[in-house]
């Protein structure tokens, strides 16, 4: 007996949500801890949402100046350097979609909603 595998299923990235820490700040919705495959844990995966779209990035480390203080961009936001990165946009997009699906499966799409204005 053979099973039909769709392109989406064949290309799915095996991501399992281990932990979720909701933090609403700007477009940030929280940080996920995920297991990729059977053995790799990735901590502090930023999950973001803006304009009705949610995505996940790779963890980063803050950039520091010679004096040890955080480097800021033109808008005053902390700058980060990637710790891990994908070699292709396709892999990055698959990763993001898999993390978002894992968070949504456990916490629902409300995890990506912006807080209501008071």
N, C-alpha and C. Protein backbone atom coordinates (compact mmCIF):
# COMPACT_ATOMS: atom_id res chain seq x y z
N UNK A 1 0.84 -1.17 0.00
CA UNK A 1 0.00 0.00 0.00
C UNK A 1 0.89 1.24 0.00
N UNK A 2 0.55 2.23 -0.83
CA UNK A 2 1.34 3.45 -0.87
C UNK A 2 0.44 4.63 -0.54
N UNK A 3 1.04 5.64 0.04
CA UNK A 3 0.30 6.85 0.39
C UNK A 3 0.69 7.97 -0.55
N UNK A 4 -0.26 8.80 -0.85
CA UNK A 4 0.02 9.97 -1.68
C UNK A 4 0.50 11.08 -0.76
N UNK A 5 1.62 11.67 -1.11
CA UNK A 5 2.17 12.76 -0.30
C UNK A 5 2.10 14.03 -1.12
N UNK A 6 1.45 15.04 -0.57
CA UNK A 6 1.36 16.32 -1.27
C UNK A 6 2.70 17.03 -1.20
N UNK A 7 2.91 17.98 -2.10
CA UNK A 7 4.16 18.76 -2.07
C UNK A 7 4.34 19.44 -0.72
N UNK A 8 3.25 19.97 -0.18
CA UNK A 8 3.34 20.65 1.11
C UNK A 8 3.79 19.70 2.20
N UNK A 9 3.21 18.50 2.24
CA UNK A 9 3.59 17.51 3.26
C UNK A 9 5.03 17.04 3.05
N UNK A 10 5.42 16.85 1.81
CA UNK A 10 6.77 16.38 1.51
C UNK A 10 7.80 17.42 1.90
N UNK A 11 7.44 18.69 1.83
CA UNK A 11 8.37 19.77 2.13
C UNK A 11 8.26 20.26 3.57
N UNK A 12 7.37 19.67 4.35
CA UNK A 12 7.16 20.13 5.72
C UNK A 12 8.44 19.96 6.53
N UNK A 13 8.70 20.94 7.36
CA UNK A 13 9.86 20.87 8.23
C UNK A 13 9.38 20.29 9.56
N UNK A 14 10.05 19.28 10.08
CA UNK A 14 9.59 18.62 11.32
C UNK A 14 9.90 19.44 12.56
N UNK A 15 8.97 20.32 12.93
CA UNK A 15 9.14 21.21 14.08
C UNK A 15 8.10 20.87 15.14
N UNK A 16 8.54 20.75 16.38
CA UNK A 16 7.65 20.50 17.51
C UNK A 16 7.84 21.62 18.53
N UNK A 17 6.74 22.22 18.94
CA UNK A 17 6.79 23.28 19.95
C UNK A 17 7.04 22.67 21.33
N UNK A 18 8.12 23.09 21.98
CA UNK A 18 8.48 22.61 23.31
C UNK A 18 7.99 23.58 24.38
N UNK A 19 8.11 24.89 24.09
CA UNK A 19 7.70 25.91 25.06
C UNK A 19 7.32 27.18 24.32
N UNK A 20 6.44 27.95 24.92
CA UNK A 20 5.98 29.22 24.34
C UNK A 20 5.92 30.26 25.43
N UNK A 21 6.59 31.40 25.20
CA UNK A 21 6.55 32.52 26.14
C UNK A 21 5.96 33.72 25.42
N UNK A 22 4.68 34.00 25.64
CA UNK A 22 4.08 35.16 24.98
C UNK A 22 4.64 36.47 25.52
N UNK A 23 5.06 37.32 24.62
CA UNK A 23 5.55 38.66 24.97
C UNK A 23 5.08 39.59 23.86
N UNK A 24 4.24 40.54 24.20
CA UNK A 24 3.73 41.47 23.20
C UNK A 24 4.52 42.77 23.31
N UNK A 25 5.29 43.06 22.27
CA UNK A 25 6.08 44.29 22.23
C UNK A 25 6.31 44.64 20.77
N UNK A 26 5.63 45.67 20.29
CA UNK A 26 5.72 46.00 18.87
C UNK A 26 5.15 44.85 18.06
N UNK A 27 5.90 44.37 17.09
CA UNK A 27 5.44 43.23 16.28
C UNK A 27 5.77 41.88 16.94
N UNK A 28 6.58 41.89 17.99
CA UNK A 28 6.92 40.65 18.69
C UNK A 28 5.69 40.10 19.40
N UNK A 29 5.46 38.80 19.24
CA UNK A 29 4.34 38.12 19.90
C UNK A 29 4.81 37.11 20.93
N UNK A 30 6.09 36.75 20.88
CA UNK A 30 6.61 35.83 21.87
C UNK A 30 7.85 35.12 21.38
N UNK A 31 8.34 34.23 22.25
CA UNK A 31 9.51 33.42 21.93
C UNK A 31 9.14 31.95 22.08
N UNK A 32 9.52 31.17 21.08
CA UNK A 32 9.25 29.75 21.09
C UNK A 32 10.55 28.98 21.34
N UNK A 33 10.40 27.83 21.97
CA UNK A 33 11.48 26.84 22.04
C UNK A 33 10.96 25.68 21.22
N UNK A 34 11.70 25.31 20.18
CA UNK A 34 11.22 24.25 19.29
C UNK A 34 12.27 23.17 19.12
N UNK A 35 11.77 21.98 18.81
CA UNK A 35 12.66 20.88 18.48
C UNK A 35 12.55 20.69 16.97
N UNK A 36 13.69 20.73 16.31
CA UNK A 36 13.76 20.53 14.87
C UNK A 36 14.22 19.10 14.64
N UNK A 37 13.39 18.33 13.96
CA UNK A 37 13.71 16.92 13.80
C UNK A 37 13.59 16.20 15.12
N UNK A 38 14.51 15.29 15.38
CA UNK A 38 14.44 14.51 16.62
C UNK A 38 15.41 14.97 17.69
N UNK A 39 16.39 15.82 17.33
CA UNK A 39 17.45 16.05 18.30
C UNK A 39 17.89 17.49 18.50
N UNK A 40 17.51 18.43 17.64
CA UNK A 40 18.02 19.79 17.77
C UNK A 40 16.98 20.69 18.43
N UNK A 41 17.33 21.26 19.59
CA UNK A 41 16.48 22.24 20.26
C UNK A 41 16.95 23.63 19.88
N UNK A 42 16.02 24.49 19.51
CA UNK A 42 16.33 25.88 19.18
C UNK A 42 15.57 26.74 20.17
N UNK A 43 16.31 27.49 20.98
CA UNK A 43 15.73 28.36 22.00
C UNK A 43 15.54 29.78 21.47
N UNK A 44 14.62 30.49 22.08
CA UNK A 44 14.41 31.92 21.83
C UNK A 44 14.15 32.25 20.37
N UNK A 45 13.26 31.48 19.75
CA UNK A 45 12.86 31.75 18.37
C UNK A 45 11.84 32.88 18.41
N UNK A 46 12.17 34.04 17.84
CA UNK A 46 11.22 35.15 17.87
C UNK A 46 10.06 34.90 16.91
N UNK A 47 8.84 35.10 17.42
CA UNK A 47 7.63 34.98 16.61
C UNK A 47 7.02 36.37 16.53
N UNK A 48 6.79 36.83 15.32
CA UNK A 48 6.33 38.19 15.09
C UNK A 48 5.05 38.20 14.27
N UNK A 49 4.31 39.30 14.35
CA UNK A 49 3.09 39.45 13.58
C UNK A 49 2.87 40.92 13.28
N UNK A 50 2.49 41.18 12.02
CA UNK A 50 2.20 42.54 11.60
C UNK A 50 1.37 42.48 10.33
N UNK A 51 0.43 43.38 10.21
CA UNK A 51 -0.40 43.49 9.00
C UNK A 51 -1.06 42.17 8.63
N UNK A 52 -1.53 41.42 9.63
CA UNK A 52 -2.23 40.18 9.39
C UNK A 52 -1.36 39.00 9.01
N UNK A 53 -0.06 39.15 9.13
CA UNK A 53 0.87 38.08 8.75
C UNK A 53 1.76 37.76 9.95
N UNK A 54 1.96 36.47 10.21
CA UNK A 54 2.84 36.03 11.29
C UNK A 54 4.04 35.31 10.69
N UNK A 55 5.20 35.43 11.34
CA UNK A 55 6.40 34.75 10.88
C UNK A 55 7.33 34.51 12.06
N UNK A 56 8.25 33.58 11.85
CA UNK A 56 9.24 33.26 12.87
C UNK A 56 10.63 33.47 12.29
N UNK A 57 11.52 33.94 13.11
CA UNK A 57 12.90 34.14 12.69
C UNK A 57 13.82 33.17 13.42
N UNK A 58 15.08 33.38 13.24
CA UNK A 58 16.08 32.61 13.97
C UNK A 58 16.56 33.46 15.15
N UNK A 59 17.00 32.83 16.21
CA UNK A 59 17.51 33.59 17.35
C UNK A 59 18.70 34.44 16.94
N UNK A 60 18.87 35.55 17.62
CA UNK A 60 20.00 36.44 17.37
C UNK A 60 20.63 36.84 18.69
N UNK A 61 21.84 37.38 18.59
CA UNK A 61 22.49 37.89 19.79
C UNK A 61 22.68 39.39 19.63
N UNK A 62 22.55 40.14 20.71
CA UNK A 62 22.69 41.59 20.61
C UNK A 62 24.11 41.99 20.22
N UNK A 63 24.22 42.96 19.35
CA UNK A 63 25.52 43.50 18.98
C UNK A 63 25.95 44.49 20.04
N UNK A 64 27.21 44.40 20.45
CA UNK A 64 27.74 45.28 21.49
C UNK A 64 28.89 46.10 20.95
N UNK A 65 28.98 47.34 21.41
CA UNK A 65 30.09 48.20 21.05
C UNK A 65 31.32 47.88 21.89
N UNK A 66 32.42 48.56 21.61
CA UNK A 66 33.68 48.34 22.32
C UNK A 66 33.53 48.57 23.83
N UNK A 67 32.59 49.46 24.20
CA UNK A 67 32.38 49.75 25.62
C UNK A 67 31.40 48.79 26.29
N UNK A 68 30.89 47.81 25.52
CA UNK A 68 29.99 46.82 26.08
C UNK A 68 28.51 47.19 26.06
N UNK A 69 28.20 48.38 25.56
CA UNK A 69 26.79 48.77 25.48
C UNK A 69 26.22 48.32 24.14
N UNK A 70 24.91 48.12 24.12
CA UNK A 70 24.23 47.63 22.93
C UNK A 70 24.28 48.64 21.79
N UNK A 71 24.55 48.14 20.58
CA UNK A 71 24.53 48.99 19.40
C UNK A 71 23.08 49.17 18.95
N UNK A 72 22.74 50.37 18.55
CA UNK A 72 21.37 50.72 18.16
C UNK A 72 21.33 51.16 16.70
N UNK A 73 20.16 50.95 16.08
CA UNK A 73 19.99 51.42 14.71
C UNK A 73 19.54 52.88 14.73
N UNK A 74 19.20 53.42 13.56
CA UNK A 74 18.80 54.83 13.45
C UNK A 74 17.53 55.15 14.24
N UNK A 75 16.71 54.14 14.49
CA UNK A 75 15.46 54.34 15.24
C UNK A 75 15.63 54.07 16.73
N UNK A 76 16.86 53.76 17.15
CA UNK A 76 17.13 53.49 18.55
C UNK A 76 16.87 52.07 18.99
N UNK A 77 16.58 51.18 18.03
CA UNK A 77 16.32 49.78 18.38
C UNK A 77 17.62 49.00 18.44
N UNK A 78 17.66 48.05 19.39
CA UNK A 78 18.83 47.18 19.55
C UNK A 78 19.11 46.44 18.24
N UNK A 79 20.38 46.35 17.86
CA UNK A 79 20.77 45.58 16.68
C UNK A 79 21.20 44.19 17.10
N UNK A 80 20.89 43.20 16.25
CA UNK A 80 21.20 41.81 16.53
C UNK A 80 21.97 41.19 15.38
N UNK A 81 22.80 40.21 15.72
CA UNK A 81 23.53 39.43 14.72
C UNK A 81 22.93 38.02 14.72
N UNK A 82 22.80 37.42 13.56
CA UNK A 82 22.25 36.06 13.53
C UNK A 82 23.18 35.06 14.20
N UNK A 83 22.59 34.10 14.89
CA UNK A 83 23.34 33.01 15.50
C UNK A 83 23.35 31.83 14.52
N UNK A 84 22.20 31.60 13.91
CA UNK A 84 22.00 30.57 12.90
C UNK A 84 21.32 31.24 11.71
N UNK A 85 21.57 30.72 10.51
CA UNK A 85 20.83 31.25 9.37
C UNK A 85 20.68 30.19 8.30
N UNK A 86 19.62 30.29 7.56
CA UNK A 86 19.35 29.36 6.47
C UNK A 86 20.13 29.78 5.24
N UNK A 87 20.46 28.82 4.41
CA UNK A 87 21.22 29.12 3.19
C UNK A 87 20.31 29.46 2.02
N UNK A 88 18.99 29.31 2.20
CA UNK A 88 18.07 29.67 1.13
C UNK A 88 16.79 30.27 1.71
N UNK A 89 16.16 31.11 0.91
CA UNK A 89 14.89 31.73 1.31
C UNK A 89 13.82 30.65 1.48
N UNK A 90 13.85 29.64 0.61
CA UNK A 90 12.87 28.55 0.70
C UNK A 90 12.96 27.86 2.06
N UNK A 91 14.15 27.55 2.52
CA UNK A 91 14.32 26.90 3.82
C UNK A 91 13.85 27.81 4.95
N UNK A 92 14.18 29.08 4.85
CA UNK A 92 13.75 30.05 5.85
C UNK A 92 12.23 30.13 5.90
N UNK A 93 11.58 30.16 4.75
CA UNK A 93 10.13 30.24 4.70
C UNK A 93 9.49 28.97 5.26
N UNK A 94 10.07 27.81 4.97
CA UNK A 94 9.55 26.54 5.49
C UNK A 94 9.67 26.51 7.02
N UNK A 95 10.80 26.96 7.52
CA UNK A 95 11.04 27.03 8.97
C UNK A 95 9.99 27.93 9.62
N UNK A 96 9.83 29.11 9.08
CA UNK A 96 8.88 30.06 9.63
C UNK A 96 7.46 29.48 9.65
N UNK A 97 7.04 28.91 8.53
CA UNK A 97 5.70 28.34 8.44
C UNK A 97 5.52 27.20 9.44
N UNK A 98 6.53 26.37 9.62
CA UNK A 98 6.44 25.24 10.55
C UNK A 98 6.35 25.72 12.00
N UNK A 99 7.12 26.74 12.36
CA UNK A 99 7.06 27.28 13.73
C UNK A 99 5.70 27.92 13.97
N UNK A 100 5.22 28.71 13.02
CA UNK A 100 3.92 29.36 13.18
C UNK A 100 2.82 28.31 13.32
N UNK A 101 2.87 27.26 12.51
CA UNK A 101 1.87 26.19 12.59
C UNK A 101 1.92 25.50 13.95
N UNK A 102 3.12 25.28 14.48
CA UNK A 102 3.26 24.62 15.79
C UNK A 102 2.69 25.48 16.91
N UNK A 103 2.97 26.78 16.88
CA UNK A 103 2.43 27.69 17.90
C UNK A 103 0.91 27.75 17.77
N UNK A 104 0.42 27.89 16.54
CA UNK A 104 -1.01 28.00 16.31
C UNK A 104 -1.75 26.72 16.72
N UNK A 105 -1.15 25.58 16.47
CA UNK A 105 -1.78 24.31 16.84
C UNK A 105 -1.99 24.22 18.34
N UNK A 106 -1.03 24.70 19.12
CA UNK A 106 -1.13 24.58 20.57
C UNK A 106 -1.83 25.76 21.23
N UNK A 107 -1.69 26.98 20.66
CA UNK A 107 -2.21 28.18 21.32
C UNK A 107 -3.25 28.94 20.52
N UNK A 108 -3.55 28.48 19.32
CA UNK A 108 -4.55 29.14 18.48
C UNK A 108 -4.00 30.38 17.81
N UNK A 109 -4.75 30.87 16.85
CA UNK A 109 -4.29 32.03 16.08
C UNK A 109 -4.29 33.31 16.92
N UNK A 110 -4.99 33.30 18.06
CA UNK A 110 -5.00 34.47 18.94
C UNK A 110 -3.60 34.79 19.48
N UNK A 111 -2.68 33.82 19.44
CA UNK A 111 -1.31 34.06 19.91
C UNK A 111 -0.62 35.13 19.08
N UNK A 112 -1.13 35.38 17.87
CA UNK A 112 -0.49 36.35 16.97
C UNK A 112 -1.23 37.68 16.92
N UNK A 113 -2.35 37.78 17.61
CA UNK A 113 -3.16 39.00 17.57
C UNK A 113 -2.48 40.12 18.34
N UNK A 114 -2.66 41.32 17.83
CA UNK A 114 -2.18 42.51 18.55
C UNK A 114 -3.13 42.77 19.71
N UNK A 115 -2.61 43.31 20.80
CA UNK A 115 -3.49 43.63 21.92
C UNK A 115 -4.47 44.72 21.49
N UNK A 116 -5.69 44.62 22.03
CA UNK A 116 -6.69 45.63 21.72
C UNK A 116 -6.36 46.93 22.40
N UNK A 117 -6.62 48.02 21.69
CA UNK A 117 -6.37 49.35 22.26
C UNK A 117 -7.35 49.61 23.39
N UNK A 118 -6.85 50.21 24.44
CA UNK A 118 -7.72 50.49 25.61
C UNK A 118 -8.44 51.79 25.42
